[in-house]
Amino acid sequence: MLPNFDKFPGSCEVRQTALNLGAQAFWSKVISQYTNGVFDEIFLNDDRWHGSIKTFDNSEKLLT
């Protein structure tokens, strides 16, 4: 079952660990389809996190 991002309006963040390439591919596809490709992705490598972080804001989408 896919997440229902519409239940949680606002800024969203989805993290995937660096070695979980399957999760990175899955979330890229899901978030891209949901946002029509409008999301940001960064890769962190510090003491708090090592991996990909995808962010998007669905507040405006829910107003329409």
Protein backbone atom coordinates (compact mmCIF):
# COMPACT_ATOMS: atom_id res chain seq x y z
CA MET A 1 0.00 0.00 0.00
CA LEU A 2 1.36 3.40 -0.96
CA PRO A 3 1.37 6.30 1.49
CA ASN A 4 -1.45 8.80 1.35
CA PHE A 5 0.52 12.05 1.43
CA ASP A 6 -2.75 14.00 1.17
CA LYS A 7 -3.52 13.12 4.80
CA PHE A 8 -0.49 15.11 5.95
CA PRO A 9 -0.39 18.55 4.29
CA GLY A 10 2.79 20.57 4.59
CA SER A 11 6.50 19.88 4.27
CA CYS A 12 7.34 16.21 3.82
CA GLU A 13 10.67 14.44 4.17
CA VAL A 14 11.46 10.85 3.18
CA ARG A 15 14.86 9.39 4.08
CA GLN A 16 16.58 6.33 2.68
CA THR A 17 19.85 4.89 3.91
CA ALA A 18 22.80 5.10 1.51
CA LEU A 19 23.01 1.34 0.93
CA ASN A 20 19.29 0.81 0.33
CA LEU A 21 19.26 1.44 -3.41
CA GLY A 22 15.89 -0.28 -3.80
CA ALA A 23 14.26 2.15 -1.38
CA GLN A 24 15.91 5.10 -3.11
CA ALA A 25 14.53 4.00 -6.49
CA PHE A 26 11.09 3.23 -5.04
CA TRP A 27 10.70 6.58 -3.25
CA SER A 28 12.05 8.53 -6.21
CA LYS A 29 9.35 7.00 -8.38
CA VAL A 30 6.52 7.42 -5.85
CA ILE A 31 7.39 10.99 -4.90
CA SER A 32 8.04 12.01 -8.50
CA GLN A 33 4.62 10.71 -9.56
CA TYR A 34 2.91 12.40 -6.62
CA THR A 35 4.63 15.77 -7.11
CA ASN A 36 4.93 15.70 -10.91
CA GLY A 37 8.69 15.72 -10.45
CA VAL A 38 8.78 18.75 -8.15
CA PHE A 39 10.86 17.65 -5.17
CA ASP A 40 14.34 18.16 -3.80
CA GLU A 41 16.89 15.50 -2.98
CA ILE A 42 20.09 15.79 -1.01
CA PHE A 43 22.60 13.24 0.20
CA LEU A 44 23.89 13.64 3.74
CA ASN A 45 26.93 11.97 5.19
CA ASP A 46 27.37 13.14 8.77
CA ASP A 47 26.95 11.84 12.33
CA ARG A 48 23.16 12.25 12.11
CA TRP A 49 22.41 10.61 8.74
CA HIS A 50 24.08 8.79 5.87
CA GLY A 51 21.86 8.64 2.84
CA SER A 52 19.33 10.29 0.60
CA ILE A 53 16.69 12.74 1.80
CA LYS A 54 13.81 13.68 -0.49
CA THR A 55 11.70 16.69 0.45
CA PHE A 56 8.57 18.27 -0.98
CA ASP A 57 5.67 20.45 0.13
CA ASN A 58 2.14 19.41 -0.71
CA SER A 59 0.34 22.34 0.97
CA GLU A 60 -0.41 24.11 -2.31
CA LYS A 61 -1.53 20.92 -4.05
CA LEU A 62 -4.16 20.31 -1.40
CA LEU A 63 -5.66 23.78 -1.79
CA THR A 64 -6.81 23.06 -5.34
